[in-house]
N, C-alpha and C. Protein backbone atom coordinates (compact mmCIF):
# COMPACT_ATOMS: atom_id res chain seq x y z
N MET A 1 -2.32 3.00 5.88
CA MET A 1 -2.50 2.29 4.63
C MET A 1 -3.65 2.94 3.87
N THR A 2 -3.37 3.31 2.65
CA THR A 2 -4.39 3.89 1.80
C THR A 2 -5.06 2.78 1.01
N LYS A 3 -6.39 2.81 0.97
CA LYS A 3 -7.13 1.78 0.23
C LYS A 3 -7.77 2.38 -1.01
N LEU A 4 -7.75 1.60 -2.07
CA LEU A 4 -8.43 1.97 -3.31
C LEU A 4 -9.65 1.10 -3.48
N GLU A 5 -10.78 1.70 -3.79
CA GLU A 5 -11.96 0.91 -4.14
C GLU A 5 -11.76 0.39 -5.55
N ILE A 6 -12.08 -0.87 -5.74
CA ILE A 6 -11.83 -1.54 -7.02
C ILE A 6 -13.15 -2.02 -7.60
N ARG A 7 -13.26 -1.90 -8.90
CA ARG A 7 -14.43 -2.46 -9.60
C ARG A 7 -14.00 -3.76 -10.23
N SER A 8 -14.21 -4.82 -9.48
CA SER A 8 -13.82 -6.15 -9.92
C SER A 8 -14.92 -7.14 -9.53
N TYR A 9 -14.92 -8.26 -10.19
CA TYR A 9 -15.93 -9.28 -9.91
C TYR A 9 -15.84 -9.78 -8.46
N ASN A 10 -14.63 -9.93 -7.92
CA ASN A 10 -14.44 -10.48 -6.58
C ASN A 10 -13.86 -9.52 -5.56
N VAL A 11 -13.13 -8.52 -6.02
CA VAL A 11 -12.37 -7.64 -5.12
C VAL A 11 -13.10 -6.31 -4.94
N SER A 12 -13.21 -5.87 -3.66
CA SER A 12 -13.86 -4.58 -3.42
C SER A 12 -12.86 -3.47 -3.13
N SER A 13 -11.70 -3.82 -2.50
CA SER A 13 -10.69 -2.79 -2.26
C SER A 13 -9.30 -3.42 -2.13
N ILE A 14 -8.30 -2.57 -2.38
CA ILE A 14 -6.91 -2.97 -2.28
C ILE A 14 -6.18 -1.86 -1.52
N GLY A 15 -5.40 -2.25 -0.53
CA GLY A 15 -4.58 -1.31 0.21
C GLY A 15 -3.13 -1.74 0.16
N TYR A 16 -2.22 -0.79 0.32
CA TYR A 16 -0.80 -1.13 0.29
C TYR A 16 -0.02 -0.22 1.23
N ASP A 17 0.86 -0.83 2.01
CA ASP A 17 1.77 -0.11 2.90
C ASP A 17 3.18 -0.34 2.35
N SER A 18 3.75 0.68 1.70
CA SER A 18 5.04 0.53 1.04
C SER A 18 6.19 0.35 2.03
N GLU A 19 6.09 0.92 3.22
CA GLU A 19 7.15 0.76 4.21
C GLU A 19 7.25 -0.67 4.72
N LYS A 20 6.11 -1.29 4.95
CA LYS A 20 6.07 -2.66 5.46
C LYS A 20 5.93 -3.70 4.35
N GLU A 21 5.70 -3.24 3.12
CA GLU A 21 5.46 -4.11 1.96
C GLU A 21 4.30 -5.08 2.25
N VAL A 22 3.20 -4.51 2.74
CA VAL A 22 2.00 -5.29 3.04
C VAL A 22 0.89 -4.88 2.07
N LEU A 23 0.33 -5.88 1.42
CA LEU A 23 -0.77 -5.69 0.49
C LEU A 23 -2.03 -6.24 1.14
N GLU A 24 -3.07 -5.42 1.23
CA GLU A 24 -4.32 -5.85 1.85
C GLU A 24 -5.41 -5.90 0.80
N ILE A 25 -6.04 -7.07 0.68
CA ILE A 25 -7.09 -7.30 -0.30
C ILE A 25 -8.39 -7.58 0.43
N THR A 26 -9.43 -6.82 0.11
CA THR A 26 -10.76 -7.09 0.66
C THR A 26 -11.65 -7.53 -0.49
N PHE A 27 -12.26 -8.69 -0.30
CA PHE A 27 -13.13 -9.25 -1.32
C PHE A 27 -14.57 -8.82 -1.11
N ILE A 28 -15.37 -8.96 -2.13
CA ILE A 28 -16.79 -8.61 -2.07
C ILE A 28 -17.48 -9.36 -0.93
N SER A 29 -17.02 -10.57 -0.65
CA SER A 29 -17.60 -11.39 0.42
C SER A 29 -17.36 -10.80 1.80
N GLY A 30 -16.41 -9.83 1.90
CA GLY A 30 -16.07 -9.24 3.18
C GLY A 30 -14.78 -9.77 3.77
N GLU A 31 -14.26 -10.87 3.22
CA GLU A 31 -13.00 -11.43 3.71
C GLU A 31 -11.84 -10.50 3.33
N THR A 32 -10.91 -10.34 4.27
CA THR A 32 -9.74 -9.50 4.03
C THR A 32 -8.48 -10.31 4.31
N TYR A 33 -7.51 -10.19 3.41
CA TYR A 33 -6.23 -10.88 3.54
C TYR A 33 -5.10 -9.88 3.42
N ARG A 34 -4.03 -10.12 4.19
CA ARG A 34 -2.82 -9.30 4.10
C ARG A 34 -1.68 -10.18 3.61
N HIS A 35 -1.11 -9.78 2.50
CA HIS A 35 0.05 -10.47 1.92
C HIS A 35 1.29 -9.70 2.32
N HIS A 36 2.33 -10.44 2.73
CA HIS A 36 3.53 -9.84 3.29
C HIS A 36 4.72 -9.97 2.33
N GLY A 37 5.57 -8.93 2.30
CA GLY A 37 6.75 -8.96 1.46
C GLY A 37 6.49 -8.63 0.00
N VAL A 38 5.39 -7.94 -0.26
CA VAL A 38 5.01 -7.61 -1.65
C VAL A 38 5.71 -6.31 -2.06
N PRO A 39 6.56 -6.37 -3.09
CA PRO A 39 7.25 -5.15 -3.53
C PRO A 39 6.31 -4.14 -4.18
N GLN A 40 6.71 -2.90 -4.15
CA GLN A 40 5.93 -1.82 -4.78
C GLN A 40 5.63 -2.13 -6.24
N SER A 41 6.59 -2.69 -6.96
CA SER A 41 6.39 -2.97 -8.38
C SER A 41 5.26 -3.98 -8.62
N VAL A 42 5.11 -4.94 -7.73
CA VAL A 42 4.02 -5.92 -7.85
C VAL A 42 2.68 -5.25 -7.57
N TYR A 43 2.64 -4.40 -6.55
CA TYR A 43 1.42 -3.65 -6.25
C TYR A 43 1.02 -2.78 -7.45
N ASP A 44 2.00 -2.08 -8.01
CA ASP A 44 1.72 -1.22 -9.17
C ASP A 44 1.16 -2.02 -10.34
N SER A 45 1.74 -3.19 -10.59
CA SER A 45 1.25 -4.04 -11.68
C SER A 45 -0.16 -4.54 -11.40
N LEU A 46 -0.44 -4.86 -10.14
CA LEU A 46 -1.78 -5.33 -9.75
C LEU A 46 -2.83 -4.27 -10.03
N ILE A 47 -2.61 -3.06 -9.56
CA ILE A 47 -3.66 -2.05 -9.72
C ILE A 47 -3.80 -1.57 -11.17
N GLN A 48 -2.80 -1.83 -11.98
CA GLN A 48 -2.88 -1.47 -13.40
C GLN A 48 -3.41 -2.61 -14.26
N SER A 49 -3.56 -3.78 -13.66
CA SER A 49 -4.02 -4.96 -14.39
C SER A 49 -5.48 -4.84 -14.80
N GLN A 50 -5.78 -5.30 -15.99
CA GLN A 50 -7.18 -5.33 -16.45
C GLN A 50 -7.94 -6.49 -15.83
N HIS A 51 -7.22 -7.48 -15.31
CA HIS A 51 -7.83 -8.67 -14.71
C HIS A 51 -7.25 -8.87 -13.32
N ILE A 52 -7.74 -8.09 -12.37
CA ILE A 52 -7.20 -8.08 -11.02
C ILE A 52 -7.29 -9.45 -10.35
N GLY A 53 -8.41 -10.13 -10.48
CA GLY A 53 -8.57 -11.45 -9.87
C GLY A 53 -7.56 -12.45 -10.40
N TYR A 54 -7.34 -12.44 -11.70
CA TYR A 54 -6.35 -13.32 -12.33
C TYR A 54 -4.96 -12.99 -11.80
N TYR A 55 -4.62 -11.72 -11.78
CA TYR A 55 -3.30 -11.30 -11.32
C TYR A 55 -3.10 -11.72 -9.86
N LEU A 56 -4.10 -11.51 -9.03
CA LEU A 56 -4.01 -11.91 -7.62
C LEU A 56 -3.74 -13.39 -7.48
N HIS A 57 -4.50 -14.19 -8.21
CA HIS A 57 -4.39 -15.64 -8.08
C HIS A 57 -3.03 -16.16 -8.56
N TYR A 58 -2.58 -15.70 -9.70
CA TYR A 58 -1.38 -16.28 -10.31
C TYR A 58 -0.07 -15.61 -9.90
N PHE A 59 -0.10 -14.37 -9.44
CA PHE A 59 1.16 -13.69 -9.15
C PHE A 59 1.34 -13.28 -7.70
N ILE A 60 0.26 -13.30 -6.92
CA ILE A 60 0.38 -12.85 -5.53
C ILE A 60 0.02 -13.97 -4.55
N ARG A 61 -1.14 -14.54 -4.69
CA ARG A 61 -1.62 -15.53 -3.72
C ARG A 61 -0.68 -16.71 -3.56
N THR A 62 -0.12 -17.17 -4.66
CA THR A 62 0.75 -18.35 -4.62
C THR A 62 2.21 -18.00 -4.35
N THR A 63 2.54 -16.71 -4.28
CA THR A 63 3.93 -16.29 -4.14
C THR A 63 4.24 -15.68 -2.77
N TYR A 64 3.32 -14.89 -2.24
CA TYR A 64 3.58 -14.13 -1.01
C TYR A 64 2.75 -14.69 0.14
N PRO A 65 3.38 -14.90 1.31
CA PRO A 65 2.62 -15.41 2.46
C PRO A 65 1.53 -14.42 2.87
N TYR A 66 0.45 -14.95 3.41
CA TYR A 66 -0.66 -14.10 3.80
C TYR A 66 -1.30 -14.54 5.10
N THR A 67 -2.02 -13.61 5.70
CA THR A 67 -2.82 -13.91 6.89
C THR A 67 -4.23 -13.39 6.61
N LYS A 68 -5.20 -14.11 7.14
CA LYS A 68 -6.59 -13.68 7.00
C LYS A 68 -6.89 -12.73 8.15
N VAL A 69 -7.38 -11.54 7.82
CA VAL A 69 -7.67 -10.54 8.84
C VAL A 69 -9.09 -10.77 9.38
N HIS A 70 -10.05 -10.93 8.48
CA HIS A 70 -11.45 -11.25 8.85
C HIS A 70 -12.23 -11.62 7.62
């Protein structure tokens, strides 16, 4: 999984595994979550969004199941 460092108020990095459709979000607080079943198109829209936190909350967190990694 390749991770991108993000300049966002809450998010420090975003990773994506296209084969498994797993999106990994690491927040500034250090918490990391993996969202499952996320299509490539949603990942692409997320990283192109000007408001990553908003996009995460309204289009990913409430739509795709997730597990807390740490």
